Amino acid sequence: MKLAIILYAVLLSLPQPGWGLVTESIPFYYFDGASYTVAFMLPETYFVSVEEQGDEFDRVSFLDLSGYIRHGAASIVDYEPVSKYPTAGSATLKKSVSSVWLYSDADMTSVVGVVTASDSIFLYGVSKKDNIFYVRVGTPDDFMRGYISGEAVDVTYPPENDISAVAPDPPEENGTEDPPDNNGGKAELSYAVQIILVVTLAVPAFLLVFLLSTSKKH
C-alpha cells in the first residue's frame, strides 16, 4: 500500500501532458520506427494535444492525426483552450482543372488516388515543399490522405484562432437541508442505518435473555 502511494505521488509530480500552443508554424512529423519525416507545417495559433514528452520529440495529436513535434516547439498552456484545431482550412480544384493526382509523399513520386472537382478537400497544412499541400480527401468515414499540387487548387487557410481558455463551470447552488421530521428533529435515518441500529440493539438483548434463561435452569 505504501509503495502504491509513493508511486502515485511520483506520477503526480511529473510534468503532465496538456495542450501545446503553436506560436509559429512548426513541422508535424511522422515516425516510421527508424526516422522522423516532416508531414506538413502546423498552422499558427492552433493547438496540439501533447500525449507524451520526450528528450528530443514529443508525441502529439492534431485533429485526426497522431505524430510528433520537436520538444519545446509548442508552448504548453495550463488550461483547456476554447478552440483547439482548425475547421475552416480547405482546398478546391481550379475551374480549369477537372481532376488532379493525389500523392503519398511531398516529393510527389507515388500516386495514391485521383481528386475531382466534386471531392471535399480538407487542408491540414503546407508541406515542406513550396506550393504543395497535405490534405484529406473525402468524408470522415471514407477518405484518403496525401499531397496535392498548389498549381491545381485554390487554398483557403484557417483564420486566426481564439486561444482563450474554456470558462470554468459555475459554482453549484447550495442545496436545501433535509426537512425535519414531525418531532422537529432531523430527517429520518436511511434504511440501511436503521437496520444496523436494530441489529446492534437486538443482539445484546438476545444475549441477555439467553443468559437469564440459562441461569434459571441452573
C-alpha atoms as a PDB file:
ATOM      1  CA  MET A   1       0.000   0.000   0.000  1.00  0.00           C
ATOM      2  CA  LYS A   2       2.814   2.409   0.924  1.00  0.00           C
ATOM      3  CA  LEU A   3       4.578   1.612  -2.369  1.00  0.00           C
ATOM      4  CA  ALA A   4       1.411   2.393  -4.334  1.00  0.00           C
ATOM      5  CA  ILE A   5       1.043   5.736  -2.550  1.00  0.00           C
ATOM      6  CA  ILE A   6       4.679   6.624  -3.289  1.00  0.00           C
ATOM      7  CA  LEU A   7       4.313   5.729  -6.968  1.00  0.00           C
ATOM      8  CA  TYR A   8       1.120   7.790  -7.215  1.00  0.00           C
ATOM      9  CA  ALA A   9       2.869  10.778  -5.644  1.00  0.00           C
ATOM     10  CA  VAL A  10       5.769  10.430  -8.094  1.00  0.00           C
ATOM     11  CA  LEU A  11       3.373  10.353 -11.051  1.00  0.00           C
ATOM     12  CA  LEU A  12       1.643  13.482  -9.825  1.00  0.00           C
ATOM     13  CA  SER A  13       4.985  15.256  -9.539  1.00  0.00           C
ATOM     14  CA  LEU A  14       5.912  14.514 -13.164  1.00  0.00           C
ATOM     15  CA  PRO A  15       5.050  17.045 -15.903  1.00  0.00           C
ATOM     16  CA  GLN A  16       1.554  16.235 -17.126  1.00  0.00           C
ATOM     17  CA  PRO A  17       0.669  16.228 -20.836  1.00  0.00           C
ATOM     18  CA  GLY A  18      -1.619  19.022 -21.938  1.00  0.00           C
ATOM     19  CA  TRP A  19      -2.229  21.445 -24.759  1.00  0.00           C
ATOM     20  CA  GLY A  20       0.614  22.938 -26.758  1.00  0.00           C
ATOM     21  CA  LEU A  21       0.071  26.298 -28.487  1.00  0.00           C
ATOM     22  CA  VAL A  22       1.683  26.659 -31.913  1.00  0.00           C
ATOM     23  CA  THR A  23       3.010  30.215 -31.725  1.00  0.00           C
ATOM     24  CA  GLU A  24       4.747  29.972 -35.084  1.00  0.00           C
ATOM     25  CA  SER A  25       4.438  27.437 -37.885  1.00  0.00           C
ATOM     26  CA  ILE A  26       6.324  24.276 -36.879  1.00  0.00           C
ATOM     27  CA  PRO A  27       6.815  20.846 -38.516  1.00  0.00           C
ATOM     28  CA  PHE A  28       4.494  17.953 -37.733  1.00  0.00           C
ATOM     29  CA  TYR A  29       6.433  14.685 -38.042  1.00  0.00           C
ATOM     30  CA  TYR A  30       5.577  11.078 -38.730  1.00  0.00           C
ATOM     31  CA  PHE A  31       7.836   8.351 -37.304  1.00  0.00           C
ATOM     32  CA  ASP A  32       8.267   5.077 -39.213  1.00  0.00           C
ATOM     33  CA  GLY A  33      10.246   3.335 -36.483  1.00  0.00           C
ATOM     34  CA  ALA A  34      13.590   4.464 -37.833  1.00  0.00           C
ATOM     35  CA  SER A  35      13.380   8.143 -38.732  1.00  0.00           C
ATOM     36  CA  TYR A  36      11.177  11.223 -38.429  1.00  0.00           C
ATOM     37  CA  THR A  37       9.667  12.703 -41.607  1.00  0.00           C
ATOM     38  CA  VAL A  38       8.025  16.116 -41.894  1.00  0.00           C
ATOM     39  CA  ALA A  39       4.425  15.695 -42.975  1.00  0.00           C
ATOM     40  CA  PHE A  40       3.379  19.361 -43.028  1.00  0.00           C
ATOM     41  CA  MET A  41       3.660  22.630 -41.129  1.00  0.00           C
ATOM     42  CA  LEU A  42       1.239  23.168 -38.277  1.00  0.00           C
ATOM     43  CA  PRO A  43      -0.757  26.407 -38.521  1.00  0.00           C
ATOM     44  CA  GLU A  44      -0.058  29.204 -36.053  1.00  0.00           C
ATOM     45  CA  THR A  45      -2.415  29.985 -33.133  1.00  0.00           C
ATOM     46  CA  TYR A  46      -3.798  26.426 -33.042  1.00  0.00           C
ATOM     47  CA  PHE A  47      -3.041  23.637 -30.587  1.00  0.00           C
ATOM     48  CA  VAL A  48      -1.688  20.121 -30.429  1.00  0.00           C
ATOM     49  CA  SER A  49      -2.614  17.656 -27.708  1.00  0.00           C
ATOM     50  CA  VAL A  50       0.658  16.674 -26.035  1.00  0.00           C
ATOM     51  CA  GLU A  51       0.380  12.988 -25.137  1.00  0.00           C
ATOM     52  CA  GLU A  52       3.961  12.206 -24.124  1.00  0.00           C
ATOM     53  CA  GLN A  53       7.048  14.347 -23.762  1.00  0.00           C
ATOM     54  CA  GLY A  54      10.493  13.128 -24.802  1.00  0.00           C
ATOM     55  CA  ASP A  55      14.031  14.442 -24.791  1.00  0.00           C
ATOM     56  CA  GLU A  56      14.016  15.360 -28.481  1.00  0.00           C
ATOM     57  CA  PHE A  57      10.455  14.809 -29.719  1.00  0.00           C
ATOM     58  CA  ASP A  58       7.016  14.987 -28.108  1.00  0.00           C
ATOM     59  CA  ARG A  59       4.234  12.641 -29.188  1.00  0.00           C
ATOM     60  CA  VAL A  60       1.153  14.680 -30.049  1.00  0.00           C
ATOM     61  CA  SER A  61      -2.173  14.529 -31.834  1.00  0.00           C
ATOM     62  CA  PHE A  62      -3.623  17.117 -34.183  1.00  0.00           C
ATOM     63  CA  LEU A  63      -7.187  16.732 -35.421  1.00  0.00           C
ATOM     64  CA  ASP A  64      -7.372  13.069 -36.522  1.00  0.00           C
ATOM     65  CA  LEU A  65      -3.593  12.676 -36.853  1.00  0.00           C
ATOM     66  CA  SER A  66      -1.043  11.188 -34.467  1.00  0.00           C
ATOM     67  CA  GLY A  67       2.568  12.271 -34.833  1.00  0.00           C
ATOM     68  CA  TYR A  68       5.412  14.224 -33.288  1.00  0.00           C
ATOM     69  CA  ILE A  69       6.788  17.701 -32.835  1.00  0.00           C
ATOM     70  CA  ARG A  70      10.219  18.702 -31.580  1.00  0.00           C
ATOM     71  CA  HIS A  71      10.355  19.014 -27.819  1.00  0.00           C
ATOM     72  CA  GLY A  72       9.661  22.596 -26.788  1.00  0.00           C
ATOM     73  CA  ALA A  73       8.436  23.655 -30.239  1.00  0.00           C
ATOM     74  CA  ALA A  74       4.941  24.353 -28.880  1.00  0.00           C
ATOM     75  CA  SER A  75       4.225  26.402 -25.763  1.00  0.00           C
ATOM     76  CA  ILE A  76       2.489  24.254 -23.122  1.00  0.00           C
ATOM     77  CA  VAL A  77      -0.501  26.050 -21.590  1.00  0.00           C
ATOM     78  CA  ASP A  78      -2.053  25.323 -18.202  1.00  0.00           C
ATOM     79  CA  TYR A  79      -5.656  25.474 -19.414  1.00  0.00           C
ATOM     80  CA  GLU A  80      -8.040  23.861 -21.874  1.00  0.00           C
ATOM     81  CA  PRO A  81      -8.468  26.118 -24.921  1.00  0.00           C
ATOM     82  CA  VAL A  82     -11.878  27.004 -26.312  1.00  0.00           C
ATOM     83  CA  SER A  83     -10.835  26.306 -29.893  1.00  0.00           C
ATOM     84  CA  LYS A  84      -8.179  23.655 -30.394  1.00  0.00           C
ATOM     85  CA  TYR A  85      -7.995  22.696 -34.065  1.00  0.00           C
ATOM     86  CA  PRO A  86      -8.778  24.422 -37.374  1.00  0.00           C
ATOM     87  CA  THR A  87     -12.074  23.628 -39.067  1.00  0.00           C
ATOM     88  CA  ALA A  88     -12.113  26.072 -41.980  1.00  0.00           C
ATOM     89  CA  GLY A  89      -8.983  25.068 -43.937  1.00  0.00           C
ATOM     90  CA  SER A  90      -9.890  23.714 -47.363  1.00  0.00           C
ATOM     91  CA  ALA A  91      -8.877  23.436 -50.995  1.00  0.00           C
ATOM     92  CA  THR A  92     -10.905  23.365 -54.203  1.00  0.00           C
ATOM     93  CA  LEU A  93      -9.848  22.469 -57.705  1.00  0.00           C
ATOM     94  CA  LYS A  94      -9.423  25.441 -60.006  1.00  0.00           C
ATOM     95  CA  LYS A  95     -12.138  25.897 -62.606  1.00  0.00           C
ATOM     96  CA  SER A  96      -9.716  24.978 -65.348  1.00  0.00           C
ATOM     97  CA  VAL A  97      -8.870  21.661 -63.653  1.00  0.00           C
ATOM     98  CA  SER A  98     -11.200  18.653 -63.769  1.00  0.00           C
ATOM     99  CA  SER A  99      -9.002  16.252 -61.793  1.00  0.00           C
ATOM    100  CA  VAL A 100      -5.587  16.045 -60.188  1.00  0.00           C
ATOM    101  CA  TRP A 101      -3.313  13.363 -58.750  1.00  0.00           C
ATOM    102  CA  LEU A 102      -3.037  12.766 -55.011  1.00  0.00           C
ATOM    103  CA  TYR A 103       0.415  11.642 -53.853  1.00  0.00           C
ATOM    104  CA  SER A 104       1.595   9.788 -50.756  1.00  0.00           C
ATOM    105  CA  ASP A 105       4.810  11.841 -50.493  1.00  0.00           C
ATOM    106  CA  ALA A 106       5.684  15.516 -50.623  1.00  0.00           C
ATOM    107  CA  ASP A 107       8.136  14.785 -53.452  1.00  0.00           C
ATOM    108  CA  MET A 108       5.070  13.708 -55.458  1.00  0.00           C
ATOM    109  CA  THR A 109       6.514  10.475 -56.770  1.00  0.00           C
ATOM    110  CA  SER A 110       3.882   7.942 -55.646  1.00  0.00           C
ATOM    111  CA  VAL A 111       0.246   8.361 -56.715  1.00  0.00           C
ATOM    112  CA  VAL A 112      -2.419   7.133 -54.259  1.00  0.00           C
ATOM    113  CA  GLY A 113      -5.565   8.440 -55.928  1.00  0.00           C
ATOM    114  CA  VAL A 114      -7.357  10.932 -58.111  1.00  0.00           C
ATOM    115  CA  VAL A 115      -9.107  14.067 -56.845  1.00  0.00           C
ATOM    116  CA  THR A 116     -12.039  15.518 -58.776  1.00  0.00           C
ATOM    117  CA  ALA A 117     -13.972  18.773 -58.503  1.00  0.00           C
ATOM    118  CA  SER A 118     -16.784  17.027 -56.612  1.00  0.00           C
ATOM    119  CA  ASP A 119     -14.474  15.810 -53.834  1.00  0.00           C
ATOM    120  CA  SER A 120     -14.332  17.538 -50.464  1.00  0.00           C
ATOM    121  CA  ILE A 121     -10.743  18.542 -49.645  1.00  0.00           C
ATOM    122  CA  PHE A 122      -9.691  19.435 -46.097  1.00  0.00           C
ATOM    123  CA  LEU A 123      -6.399  21.272 -45.646  1.00  0.00           C
ATOM    124  CA  TYR A 124      -4.044  20.079 -42.896  1.00  0.00           C
ATOM    125  CA  GLY A 125      -1.257  22.452 -43.837  1.00  0.00           C
ATOM    126  CA  VAL A 126       1.570  23.390 -46.159  1.00  0.00           C
ATOM    127  CA  SER A 127       4.178  20.709 -46.820  1.00  0.00           C
ATOM    128  CA  LYS A 128       7.931  21.214 -46.593  1.00  0.00           C
ATOM    129  CA  LYS A 129       7.895  21.708 -50.375  1.00  0.00           C
ATOM    130  CA  ASP A 130       6.773  25.011 -51.830  1.00  0.00           C
ATOM    131  CA  ASN A 131       3.189  25.116 -53.118  1.00  0.00           C
ATOM    132  CA  ILE A 132       2.399  21.523 -52.097  1.00  0.00           C
ATOM    133  CA  PHE A 133      -0.278  20.822 -49.501  1.00  0.00           C
ATOM    134  CA  TYR A 134      -1.116  17.947 -47.188  1.00  0.00           C
ATOM    135  CA  VAL A 135      -4.849  17.241 -47.395  1.00  0.00           C
ATOM    136  CA  ARG A 136      -7.631  14.829 -46.571  1.00  0.00           C
ATOM    137  CA  VAL A 137      -9.940  13.997 -49.467  1.00  0.00           C
ATOM    138  CA  GLY A 138     -13.441  12.625 -48.913  1.00  0.00           C
ATOM    139  CA  THR A 139     -15.649  12.255 -45.860  1.00  0.00           C
ATOM    140  CA  PRO A 140     -14.546  11.453 -42.270  1.00  0.00           C
ATOM    141  CA  ASP A 141     -15.782   7.892 -42.855  1.00  0.00           C
ATOM    142  CA  ASP A 142     -14.297   7.399 -46.311  1.00  0.00           C
ATOM    143  CA  PHE A 143     -11.175   9.383 -47.137  1.00  0.00           C
ATOM    144  CA  MET A 144      -7.636   9.450 -48.493  1.00  0.00           C
ATOM    145  CA  ARG A 145      -4.724  11.496 -47.188  1.00  0.00           C
ATOM    146  CA  GLY A 146      -1.922  12.793 -49.300  1.00  0.00           C
ATOM    147  CA  TYR A 147      -0.267  15.671 -51.096  1.00  0.00           C
ATOM    148  CA  ILE A 148      -1.729  17.841 -53.795  1.00  0.00           C
ATOM    149  CA  SER A 149      -0.138  20.433 -56.055  1.00  0.00           C
ATOM    150  CA  GLY A 150      -0.971  24.056 -55.369  1.00  0.00           C
ATOM    151  CA  GLU A 151      -0.981  24.683 -59.106  1.00  0.00           C
ATOM    152  CA  ALA A 152      -4.243  22.755 -59.367  1.00  0.00           C
ATOM    153  CA  VAL A 153      -6.141  24.114 -56.347  1.00  0.00           C
ATOM    154  CA  ASP A 154      -7.287  27.301 -54.667  1.00  0.00           C
ATOM    155  CA  VAL A 155      -6.494  27.134 -50.959  1.00  0.00           C
ATOM    156  CA  THR A 156      -8.431  28.635 -48.043  1.00  0.00           C
ATOM    157  CA  TYR A 157      -6.280  28.912 -44.933  1.00  0.00           C
ATOM    158  CA  PRO A 158      -7.846  28.691 -41.465  1.00  0.00           C
ATOM    159  CA  PRO A 159      -8.395  32.049 -39.735  1.00  0.00           C
ATOM    160  CA  GLU A 160      -6.503  33.178 -36.654  1.00  0.00           C
ATOM    161  CA  ASN A 161      -7.588  31.051 -33.721  1.00  0.00           C
ATOM    162  CA  ASP A 162      -9.182  32.055 -30.433  1.00  0.00           C
ATOM    163  CA  ILE A 163      -6.631  30.873 -27.865  1.00  0.00           C
ATOM    164  CA  SER A 164      -8.666  31.764 -24.769  1.00  0.00           C
ATOM    165  CA  ALA A 165      -9.467  29.227 -22.064  1.00  0.00           C
ATOM    166  CA  VAL A 166     -12.700  27.366 -21.553  1.00  0.00           C
ATOM    167  CA  ALA A 167     -14.779  29.182 -18.938  1.00  0.00           C
ATOM    168  CA  PRO A 168     -14.895  27.376 -15.586  1.00  0.00           C
ATOM    169  CA  ASP A 169     -18.114  25.691 -14.542  1.00  0.00           C
ATOM    170  CA  PRO A 170     -20.373  27.926 -12.439  1.00  0.00           C
ATOM    171  CA  PRO A 171     -20.430  27.089  -8.721  1.00  0.00           C
ATOM    172  CA  GLU A 172     -23.144  24.711  -7.667  1.00  0.00           C
ATOM    173  CA  GLU A 173     -26.095  26.232  -5.868  1.00  0.00           C
ATOM    174  CA  ASN A 174     -26.400  25.415  -2.192  1.00  0.00           C
ATOM    175  CA  GLY A 175     -28.952  22.656  -1.743  1.00  0.00           C
ATOM    176  CA  THR A 176     -31.675  22.809   0.882  1.00  0.00           C
ATOM    177  CA  GLU A 177     -31.181  20.870   4.098  1.00  0.00           C
ATOM    178  CA  ASP A 178     -33.093  17.699   4.755  1.00  0.00           C
ATOM    179  CA  PRO A 179     -36.539  18.557   6.135  1.00  0.00           C
ATOM    180  CA  PRO A 180     -37.103  17.886   9.836  1.00  0.00           C
ATOM    181  CA  ASP A 181     -39.356  15.092  10.990  1.00  0.00           C
ATOM    182  CA  ASN A 182     -42.632  15.584  12.849  1.00  0.00           C
ATOM    183  CA  ASN A 183     -40.783  15.912  16.154  1.00  0.00           C
ATOM    184  CA  GLY A 184     -38.769  18.875  14.921  1.00  0.00           C
ATOM    185  CA  GLY A 185     -35.563  16.822  14.625  1.00  0.00           C
ATOM    186  CA  LYS A 186     -33.515  15.883  11.580  1.00  0.00           C
ATOM    187  CA  ALA A 187     -34.813  13.801   8.710  1.00  0.00           C
ATOM    188  CA  GLU A 188     -35.231  10.097   9.228  1.00  0.00           C
ATOM    189  CA  LEU A 189     -32.146   7.904   9.062  1.00  0.00           C
ATOM    190  CA  SER A 190     -31.558   5.885   5.956  1.00  0.00           C
ATOM    191  CA  TYR A 191     -32.988   2.389   5.728  1.00  0.00           C
ATOM    192  CA  ALA A 192     -29.516   0.784   5.942  1.00  0.00           C
ATOM    193  CA  VAL A 193     -28.646   2.747   9.082  1.00  0.00           C
ATOM    194  CA  GLN A 194     -31.936   1.760  10.666  1.00  0.00           C
ATOM    195  CA  ILE A 195     -31.181  -1.933  10.062  1.00  0.00           C
ATOM    196  CA  ILE A 196     -27.739  -1.561  11.619  1.00  0.00           C
ATOM    197  CA  LEU A 197     -29.195   0.088  14.700  1.00  0.00           C
ATOM    198  CA  VAL A 198     -31.870  -2.602  15.070  1.00  0.00           C
ATOM    199  CA  VAL A 199     -29.289  -5.373  14.813  1.00  0.00           C
ATOM    200  CA  THR A 200     -26.936  -3.587  17.230  1.00  0.00           C
ATOM    201  CA  LEU A 201     -29.680  -3.289  19.830  1.00  0.00           C
ATOM    202  CA  ALA A 202     -31.193  -6.726  19.250  1.00  0.00           C
ATOM    203  CA  VAL A 203     -28.012  -8.776  19.699  1.00  0.00           C
ATOM    204  CA  PRO A 204     -27.308  -7.664  23.314  1.00  0.00           C
ATOM    205  CA  ALA A 205     -30.978  -8.152  24.220  1.00  0.00           C
ATOM    206  CA  PHE A 206     -30.920 -11.665  22.825  1.00  0.00           C
ATOM    207  CA  LEU A 207     -27.753 -12.493  24.762  1.00  0.00           C
ATOM    208  CA  LEU A 208     -29.274 -11.114  27.975  1.00  0.00           C
ATOM    209  CA  VAL A 209     -32.383 -13.260  27.578  1.00  0.00           C
ATOM    210  CA  PHE A 210     -30.222 -16.295  26.808  1.00  0.00           C
ATOM    211  CA  LEU A 211     -28.064 -15.794  29.912  1.00  0.00           C
ATOM    212  CA  LEU A 212     -31.086 -15.263  32.165  1.00  0.00           C
ATOM    213  CA  SER A 213     -32.782 -18.392  30.903  1.00  0.00           C
ATOM    214  CA  THR A 214     -29.581 -20.388  31.401  1.00  0.00           C
ATOM    215  CA  SER A 215     -29.122 -19.187  34.974  1.00  0.00           C
ATOM    216  CA  LYS A 216     -32.687 -20.136  35.866  1.00  0.00           C
ATOM    217  CA  LYS A 217     -32.112 -23.715  34.668  1.00  0.00           C
ATOM    218  CA  HIS A 218     -29.058 -23.992  36.928  1.00  0.00           C
END
